[in-house]
Amino acid sequence: MKKEIEGVVDITQKEIVVRSAVATGILKLSQKSLEAISSNQVKKGDVIEASTIAAIQAVKETPRIIPHCHPIPLEGCKVNWELLENSLRCTVSVTAHYKTGIEMEAITGVCAGLLCALDMVKSYEKDADGQYPNSEICDVRIVEKYKSD
């Protein structure tokens, strides 16, 4: 059996246009974790600040993480956080002028931001057996993808 796999899709003939994407996701947490985050009492430091940096780094490193993604010259990245009743929401917006979409960069940023936040508060999330029964990353999705004409 012989199989040819296109490593990176050829976008040579595509036009450079304005692109943007927004992704979001939720990290379900205990009240103890949420209070520690909101009062900046987490032992590892400022969760929002560190997780924002993690999200931005992931956006920039997406082609190294996702093999078929093209390196894209990013022009903007915004990371927004919202403390909810029982969770933390991360929303990442990315913009660029390029030949291919940037939704994977946005969603990769969300995942990394939420993973960083969980890593920073996991000591608050453990139960008596050292497990994380109530911690959950969920509802990760691309909210919007835009491509100009």
Protein backbone atom coordinates (compact mmCIF):
# COMPACT_ATOMS: atom_id res chain seq x y z
CA MET A 1 0.00 0.00 0.00
CA LYS A 2 1.30 3.43 -0.93
CA LYS A 3 -0.15 6.56 0.64
CA GLU A 4 0.76 10.18 -0.06
CA ILE A 5 0.03 12.67 2.66
CA GLU A 6 0.12 16.40 2.08
CA GLY A 7 2.17 17.74 5.00
CA VAL A 8 1.14 21.36 4.71
CA VAL A 9 -1.61 22.44 2.32
CA ASP A 10 -0.25 24.57 -0.54
CA ILE A 11 -1.72 28.07 -0.17
CA THR A 12 0.55 29.74 -2.75
CA GLN A 13 -2.34 30.90 -4.93
CA LYS A 14 -4.53 32.22 -2.08
CA GLU A 15 -4.84 35.97 -1.55
CA ILE A 16 -3.72 37.70 1.63
CA VAL A 17 -6.83 39.02 3.39
CA VAL A 18 -7.85 40.16 6.86
CA ARG A 19 -8.57 37.23 9.14
CA SER A 20 -9.81 37.03 12.69
CA ALA A 21 -11.05 34.36 15.03
CA VAL A 22 -12.47 34.17 18.54
CA ALA A 23 -12.52 31.06 20.72
CA THR A 24 -13.67 30.48 24.27
CA GLY A 25 -13.70 27.82 26.96
CA ILE A 26 -14.50 27.23 30.60
CA LEU A 27 -12.61 25.79 33.56
CA LYS A 28 -14.99 24.58 36.27
CA LEU A 29 -13.47 25.17 39.70
CA SER A 30 -14.27 25.00 43.39
CA GLN A 31 -15.24 28.10 45.35
CA LYS A 32 -11.94 27.81 47.18
CA SER A 33 -10.01 28.14 43.90
CA LEU A 34 -12.18 30.97 42.61
CA GLU A 35 -11.77 32.93 45.84
CA ALA A 36 -7.99 32.40 45.77
CA ILE A 37 -7.87 33.62 42.16
CA SER A 38 -10.04 36.68 42.78
CA SER A 39 -8.09 37.68 45.89
CA ASN A 40 -4.73 36.96 44.22
CA GLN A 41 -3.81 34.47 46.98
CA VAL A 42 -2.73 31.53 44.80
CA LYS A 43 0.69 30.29 45.95
CA LYS A 44 2.04 30.02 42.39
CA GLY A 45 1.22 33.67 41.64
CA ASP A 46 -1.31 35.70 39.68
CA VAL A 47 -3.38 33.11 37.82
CA ILE A 48 -4.87 35.54 35.31
CA GLU A 49 -1.51 37.10 34.47
CA ALA A 50 0.35 33.79 34.08
CA SER A 51 -2.51 32.17 32.16
CA THR A 52 -2.71 35.15 29.81
CA ILE A 53 0.97 34.72 28.99
CA ALA A 54 0.41 30.98 28.44
CA ALA A 55 -2.47 31.72 26.07
CA ILE A 56 -0.44 34.25 24.07
CA GLN A 57 2.53 31.87 23.84
CA ALA A 58 0.27 29.07 22.62
CA VAL A 59 -1.28 31.30 19.97
CA LYS A 60 2.20 32.12 18.67
CA GLU A 61 3.38 28.49 18.83
CA THR A 62 0.32 26.84 17.26
CA PRO A 63 2.18 25.59 14.14
CA ARG A 64 4.66 23.82 16.44
CA ILE A 65 1.81 22.13 18.33
CA ILE A 66 -0.61 21.38 15.46
CA PRO A 67 1.41 19.84 12.60
CA HIS A 68 -0.71 20.99 9.64
CA CYS A 69 -1.04 24.64 10.70
CA HIS A 70 0.86 27.26 8.72
CA PRO A 71 3.06 29.78 10.55
CA ILE A 72 0.98 32.95 10.47
CA PRO A 73 2.30 36.49 10.98
CA LEU A 74 -0.04 37.45 13.81
CA GLU A 75 -0.98 41.09 14.18
CA GLY A 76 -3.09 40.98 17.31
CA CYS A 77 -4.08 38.76 20.21
CA LYS A 78 -6.41 39.61 23.07
CA VAL A 79 -7.08 37.37 26.06
CA ASN A 80 -10.11 38.05 28.24
CA TRP A 81 -11.00 36.36 31.53
CA GLU A 82 -14.30 36.22 33.35
CA LEU A 83 -14.85 34.81 36.83
CA LEU A 84 -18.24 33.14 36.82
CA GLU A 85 -20.24 31.59 39.67
CA ASN A 86 -18.44 28.23 39.54
CA SER A 87 -15.91 28.64 36.76
CA LEU A 88 -13.35 30.70 34.92
CA ARG A 89 -13.94 31.61 31.26
CA CYS A 90 -11.11 32.36 28.85
CA THR A 91 -11.77 34.04 25.50
CA VAL A 92 -9.01 34.57 22.95
CA SER A 93 -9.29 36.85 19.89
CA VAL A 94 -6.65 36.74 17.16
CA THR A 95 -6.14 38.90 14.04
CA ALA A 96 -3.84 38.77 11.01
CA HIS A 97 -3.54 39.49 7.31
CA TYR A 98 -2.81 36.12 5.73
CA LYS A 99 -3.81 33.40 3.29
CA THR A 100 -5.35 30.94 5.73
CA GLY A 101 -7.57 31.01 8.80
CA ILE A 102 -6.43 31.58 12.34
CA GLU A 103 -9.13 29.80 14.31
CA MET A 104 -6.70 27.09 15.42
CA GLU A 105 -4.49 29.76 16.98
CA ALA A 106 -7.44 31.16 18.95
CA ILE A 107 -8.61 27.79 20.25
CA THR A 108 -5.06 26.67 21.08
CA GLY A 109 -4.65 29.85 23.12
CA VAL A 110 -7.83 29.12 25.07
CA CYS A 111 -6.74 25.57 25.86
CA ALA A 112 -3.28 26.62 27.04
CA GLY A 113 -4.69 29.46 29.15
CA LEU A 114 -7.15 27.16 30.88
CA LEU A 115 -4.51 24.46 31.40
CA CYS A 116 -2.18 26.99 33.00
CA ALA A 117 -4.95 28.19 35.31
CA LEU A 118 -5.74 24.62 36.35
CA ASP A 119 -2.07 23.89 36.99
CA MET A 120 -1.83 26.92 39.24
CA VAL A 121 -4.87 26.03 41.38
CA LYS A 122 -4.74 22.24 41.35
CA SER A 123 -3.66 22.12 45.01
CA TYR A 124 -7.03 23.74 45.89
CA GLU A 125 -8.91 21.31 43.66
CA LYS A 126 -7.62 17.99 45.03
CA ASP A 127 -9.93 15.86 47.13
CA ALA A 128 -8.82 13.64 50.05
CA ASP A 129 -7.65 10.97 47.59
CA GLY A 130 -5.56 13.45 45.56
CA GLN A 131 -8.01 13.43 42.66
CA TYR A 132 -9.77 16.29 40.85
CA PRO A 133 -13.42 15.19 40.76
CA ASN A 134 -14.93 18.63 40.18
CA SER A 135 -12.32 20.29 37.95
CA GLU A 136 -13.25 20.27 34.30
CA ILE A 137 -12.19 22.08 31.14
CA CYS A 138 -15.27 22.22 28.93
CA ASP A 139 -17.23 24.14 26.30
CA VAL A 140 -14.08 24.90 24.29
CA ARG A 141 -15.23 26.18 20.92
CA ILE A 142 -14.62 28.58 18.08
CA VAL A 143 -17.11 31.39 18.53
CA GLU A 144 -16.35 33.34 15.38
CA LYS A 145 -14.20 33.16 12.26
CA TYR A 146 -13.89 36.11 9.87
CA LYS A 147 -12.33 36.45 6.43
CA SER A 148 -12.54 39.66 4.41
CA ASP A 149 -13.38 39.59 0.71
